[in-house]
Amino acid sequence: MDLENKKIFRQPNIATDWIQGMTQEEKIEFEKSWRNSTFVLDKLKLIIERSLKSLEIDQEDDYDHPQWPIKRADRNGRVKELRRILKLLP
């Protein structure tokens, strides 16, 4: 394995979830695509952050609903998953 092939493992921006199960060649190609996709990935990150912000604001009328604990649990699950996805992005 030459030095360029080892480089992908030292890149802190790429979560292992992205490259898990890939061959070395696939990892190298993925890294190239990753580095060339910052515009799209940054936009996706902004969209997710906006969604998170709106979900984290408590809605007063949520507590007027008899099923508010279920609505709250659903919101908490969505927030948790969006945060997990954000960790995958650069």
N, C-alpha and C. Protein backbone atom coordinates (compact mmCIF):
# COMPACT_ATOMS: atom_id res chain seq x y z
N MET A 1 0.85 -1.18 0.00
CA MET A 1 0.00 0.00 0.00
C MET A 1 0.90 1.24 0.00
N ASP A 2 0.77 2.07 -1.03
CA ASP A 2 1.62 3.24 -1.08
C ASP A 2 1.06 4.36 -0.21
N LEU A 3 1.81 5.44 -0.08
CA LEU A 3 1.46 6.54 0.81
C LEU A 3 0.13 7.18 0.43
N GLU A 4 -0.15 7.30 -0.88
CA GLU A 4 -1.41 7.92 -1.30
C GLU A 4 -2.61 7.08 -0.88
N ASN A 5 -2.49 5.77 -0.95
CA ASN A 5 -3.57 4.89 -0.54
C ASN A 5 -3.83 4.96 0.96
N LYS A 6 -2.81 5.21 1.75
CA LYS A 6 -2.96 5.30 3.20
C LYS A 6 -3.62 6.62 3.61
N LYS A 7 -3.55 7.62 2.74
CA LYS A 7 -4.03 8.95 3.08
C LYS A 7 -5.50 8.96 3.50
N ILE A 8 -6.32 8.16 2.88
CA ILE A 8 -7.76 8.17 3.19
C ILE A 8 -8.02 7.86 4.65
N PHE A 9 -7.20 7.04 5.26
CA PHE A 9 -7.42 6.67 6.65
C PHE A 9 -7.05 7.78 7.62
N ARG A 10 -6.32 8.78 7.14
CA ARG A 10 -5.93 9.89 8.01
C ARG A 10 -6.85 11.09 7.84
N GLN A 11 -7.84 11.00 6.98
CA GLN A 11 -8.75 12.12 6.76
C GLN A 11 -9.83 12.09 7.85
N PRO A 12 -9.84 13.06 8.75
CA PRO A 12 -10.79 13.04 9.86
C PRO A 12 -12.23 13.33 9.43
N ASN A 13 -12.43 13.87 8.24
CA ASN A 13 -13.76 14.26 7.81
C ASN A 13 -14.62 13.09 7.35
N ILE A 14 -14.02 11.99 7.00
CA ILE A 14 -14.78 10.87 6.46
C ILE A 14 -15.09 9.88 7.58
N ALA A 15 -16.36 9.80 7.93
CA ALA A 15 -16.78 8.84 8.96
C ALA A 15 -16.61 7.43 8.40
N THR A 16 -16.25 6.51 9.25
CA THR A 16 -16.03 5.13 8.80
C THR A 16 -17.31 4.51 8.25
N ASP A 17 -18.48 5.01 8.64
CA ASP A 17 -19.74 4.50 8.08
C ASP A 17 -19.76 4.63 6.57
N TRP A 18 -19.14 5.67 6.03
CA TRP A 18 -19.14 5.89 4.59
C TRP A 18 -18.33 4.83 3.85
N ILE A 19 -17.21 4.42 4.40
CA ILE A 19 -16.30 3.55 3.66
C ILE A 19 -16.30 2.11 4.14
N GLN A 20 -17.14 1.80 5.08
CA GLN A 20 -17.20 0.44 5.62
C GLN A 20 -17.56 -0.56 4.51
N GLY A 21 -16.80 -1.60 4.41
CA GLY A 21 -17.07 -2.66 3.44
C GLY A 21 -16.53 -2.39 2.04
N MET A 22 -15.86 -1.26 1.84
CA MET A 22 -15.31 -0.94 0.52
C MET A 22 -13.92 -1.53 0.36
N THR A 23 -13.59 -1.81 -0.89
CA THR A 23 -12.22 -2.22 -1.18
C THR A 23 -11.34 -0.97 -1.11
N GLN A 24 -10.03 -1.17 -1.13
CA GLN A 24 -9.11 -0.04 -1.08
C GLN A 24 -9.33 0.89 -2.28
N GLU A 25 -9.54 0.32 -3.44
CA GLU A 25 -9.76 1.13 -4.65
C GLU A 25 -11.05 1.94 -4.51
N GLU A 26 -12.10 1.32 -3.99
CA GLU A 26 -13.37 2.02 -3.79
C GLU A 26 -13.22 3.17 -2.79
N LYS A 27 -12.42 2.93 -1.76
CA LYS A 27 -12.17 3.98 -0.76
C LYS A 27 -11.48 5.18 -1.39
N ILE A 28 -10.52 4.91 -2.25
CA ILE A 28 -9.79 5.99 -2.92
C ILE A 28 -10.74 6.78 -3.82
N GLU A 29 -11.57 6.07 -4.58
CA GLU A 29 -12.54 6.74 -5.46
C GLU A 29 -13.56 7.52 -4.64
N PHE A 30 -13.98 6.93 -3.53
CA PHE A 30 -14.94 7.63 -2.67
C PHE A 30 -14.34 8.92 -2.13
N GLU A 31 -13.08 8.85 -1.69
CA GLU A 31 -12.43 10.04 -1.16
C GLU A 31 -12.37 11.15 -2.21
N LYS A 32 -12.08 10.78 -3.44
CA LYS A 32 -12.05 11.78 -4.52
C LYS A 32 -13.42 12.42 -4.69
N SER A 33 -14.45 11.60 -4.72
CA SER A 33 -15.82 12.12 -4.85
C SER A 33 -16.19 13.00 -3.66
N TRP A 34 -15.81 12.56 -2.48
CA TRP A 34 -16.09 13.30 -1.24
C TRP A 34 -15.48 14.69 -1.30
N ARG A 35 -14.22 14.75 -1.70
CA ARG A 35 -13.51 16.03 -1.77
C ARG A 35 -14.10 16.96 -2.83
N ASN A 36 -14.70 16.39 -3.88
CA ASN A 36 -15.27 17.19 -4.96
C ASN A 36 -16.76 17.50 -4.75
N SER A 37 -17.32 17.09 -3.62
CA SER A 37 -18.75 17.28 -3.37
C SER A 37 -19.03 18.25 -2.23
N THR A 38 -18.07 19.08 -1.87
CA THR A 38 -18.26 19.94 -0.71
C THR A 38 -19.42 20.91 -0.88
N PHE A 39 -19.66 21.40 -2.10
CA PHE A 39 -20.76 22.32 -2.31
C PHE A 39 -22.09 21.67 -1.96
N VAL A 40 -22.31 20.48 -2.45
CA VAL A 40 -23.56 19.76 -2.20
C VAL A 40 -23.65 19.34 -0.73
N LEU A 41 -22.56 18.82 -0.18
CA LEU A 41 -22.58 18.38 1.21
C LEU A 41 -22.79 19.55 2.18
N ASP A 42 -22.20 20.69 1.88
CA ASP A 42 -22.41 21.87 2.73
C ASP A 42 -23.87 22.32 2.68
N LYS A 43 -24.47 22.26 1.49
CA LYS A 43 -25.88 22.64 1.37
C LYS A 43 -26.77 21.66 2.13
N LEU A 44 -26.47 20.38 2.03
CA LEU A 44 -27.22 19.37 2.78
C LEU A 44 -27.10 19.61 4.27
N LYS A 45 -25.91 19.95 4.72
CA LYS A 45 -25.68 20.24 6.14
C LYS A 45 -26.54 21.42 6.61
N LEU A 46 -26.62 22.46 5.79
CA LEU A 46 -27.45 23.62 6.13
C LEU A 46 -28.93 23.25 6.22
N ILE A 47 -29.39 22.43 5.29
CA ILE A 47 -30.79 22.00 5.30
C ILE A 47 -31.10 21.21 6.57
N ILE A 48 -30.21 20.30 6.93
CA ILE A 48 -30.42 19.49 8.13
C ILE A 48 -30.37 20.36 9.38
N GLU A 49 -29.43 21.31 9.44
CA GLU A 49 -29.34 22.20 10.60
C GLU A 49 -30.60 23.04 10.74
N ARG A 50 -31.15 23.49 9.62
CA ARG A 50 -32.41 24.25 9.66
C ARG A 50 -33.56 23.38 10.19
N SER A 51 -33.62 22.15 9.73
CA SER A 51 -34.65 21.23 10.21
C SER A 51 -34.49 20.98 11.70
N LEU A 52 -33.26 20.78 12.14
CA LEU A 52 -33.00 20.57 13.56
C LEU A 52 -33.46 21.75 14.40
N LYS A 53 -33.13 22.93 13.92
CA LYS A 53 -33.50 24.14 14.66
C LYS A 53 -35.02 24.24 14.82
N SER A 54 -35.76 23.95 13.76
CA SER A 54 -37.21 24.04 13.85
C SER A 54 -37.79 22.94 14.75
N LEU A 55 -37.16 21.77 14.76
CA LEU A 55 -37.64 20.68 15.61
C LEU A 55 -37.35 20.93 17.09
N GLU A 56 -36.26 21.64 17.37
CA GLU A 56 -35.86 21.84 18.76
C GLU A 56 -36.65 22.95 19.44
N ILE A 57 -37.45 23.68 18.68
CA ILE A 57 -38.29 24.72 19.28
C ILE A 57 -39.58 24.07 19.76
N ASP A 58 -39.86 24.20 21.06
CA ASP A 58 -41.09 23.64 21.60
C ASP A 58 -42.30 24.38 21.05
N GLN A 59 -43.28 23.61 20.63
CA GLN A 59 -44.53 24.19 20.15
C GLN A 59 -45.53 24.17 21.32
N GLU A 60 -46.04 25.33 21.68
CA GLU A 60 -46.98 25.43 22.81
C GLU A 60 -48.20 24.54 22.61
N ASP A 61 -48.72 24.49 21.39
CA ASP A 61 -49.93 23.71 21.15
C ASP A 61 -49.68 22.20 21.22
N ASP A 62 -48.43 21.77 21.21
CA ASP A 62 -48.14 20.34 21.33
C ASP A 62 -48.67 19.79 22.66
N TYR A 63 -48.59 20.59 23.69
CA TYR A 63 -48.97 20.11 25.02
C TYR A 63 -50.47 20.15 25.24
N ASP A 64 -51.19 20.77 24.33
CA ASP A 64 -52.66 20.79 24.41
C ASP A 64 -53.26 19.51 23.85
N HIS A 65 -52.48 18.76 23.15
CA HIS A 65 -52.94 17.54 22.51
C HIS A 65 -52.84 16.38 23.50
N PRO A 66 -53.88 15.52 23.58
CA PRO A 66 -53.82 14.41 24.54
C PRO A 66 -52.68 13.41 24.26
N GLN A 67 -52.21 13.38 23.05
CA GLN A 67 -51.14 12.46 22.69
C GLN A 67 -49.78 13.15 22.66
N TRP A 68 -49.62 14.24 23.42
CA TRP A 68 -48.38 15.01 23.35
C TRP A 68 -47.12 14.20 23.67
N PRO A 69 -47.18 13.20 24.59
CA PRO A 69 -45.94 12.44 24.83
C PRO A 69 -45.48 11.67 23.58
N ILE A 70 -46.43 11.19 22.80
CA ILE A 70 -46.09 10.47 21.58
C ILE A 70 -45.49 11.43 20.55
N LYS A 71 -46.10 12.61 20.43
CA LYS A 71 -45.58 13.62 19.51
C LYS A 71 -44.17 14.02 19.92
N ARG A 72 -43.95 14.16 21.22
CA ARG A 72 -42.63 14.57 21.73
C ARG A 72 -41.59 13.47 21.48
N ALA A 73 -41.98 12.23 21.69
CA ALA A 73 -41.06 11.12 21.45
C ALA A 73 -40.69 11.05 19.96
N ASP A 74 -41.67 11.29 19.10
CA ASP A 74 -41.41 11.30 17.67
C ASP A 74 -40.43 12.41 17.32
N ARG A 75 -40.65 13.59 17.85
CA ARG A 75 -39.75 14.72 17.59
C ARG A 75 -38.35 14.42 18.11
N ASN A 76 -38.25 13.86 19.31
CA ASN A 76 -36.93 13.52 19.87
C ASN A 76 -36.19 12.52 18.99
N GLY A 77 -36.92 11.55 18.45
CA GLY A 77 -36.31 10.56 17.57
C GLY A 77 -35.81 11.19 16.28
N ARG A 78 -36.58 12.11 15.73
CA ARG A 78 -36.17 12.80 14.52
C ARG A 78 -34.92 13.64 14.77
N VAL A 79 -34.88 14.34 15.90
CA VAL A 79 -33.72 15.15 16.26
C VAL A 79 -32.48 14.27 16.40
N LYS A 80 -32.64 13.15 17.08
CA LYS A 80 -31.52 12.24 17.29
C LYS A 80 -30.96 11.74 15.95
N GLU A 81 -31.83 11.37 15.04
CA GLU A 81 -31.39 10.85 13.75
C GLU A 81 -30.74 11.94 12.89
N LEU A 82 -31.29 13.14 12.91
CA LEU A 82 -30.67 14.23 12.15
C LEU A 82 -29.28 14.56 12.69
N ARG A 83 -29.11 14.51 13.99
CA ARG A 83 -27.79 14.75 14.58
C ARG A 83 -26.80 13.66 14.18
N ARG A 84 -27.28 12.43 14.09
CA ARG A 84 -26.42 11.32 13.67
C ARG A 84 -25.98 11.52 12.22
N ILE A 85 -26.90 11.96 11.37
CA ILE A 85 -26.55 12.22 9.98
C ILE A 85 -25.56 13.37 9.87
N LEU A 86 -25.74 14.41 10.69
CA LEU A 86 -24.81 15.54 10.66
C LEU A 86 -23.39 15.12 10.97
N LYS A 87 -23.24 14.13 11.85
CA LYS A 87 -21.91 13.65 12.21
C LYS A 87 -21.22 12.96 11.03
N LEU A 88 -21.99 12.52 10.06
CA LEU A 88 -21.42 11.87 8.88
C LEU A 88 -20.91 12.87 7.86
N LEU A 89 -21.32 14.12 8.00
CA LEU A 89 -20.96 15.15 7.02
C LEU A 89 -19.70 15.89 7.43
N PRO A 90 -18.99 16.45 6.45
CA PRO A 90 -17.75 17.18 6.78
C PRO A 90 -18.02 18.46 7.53
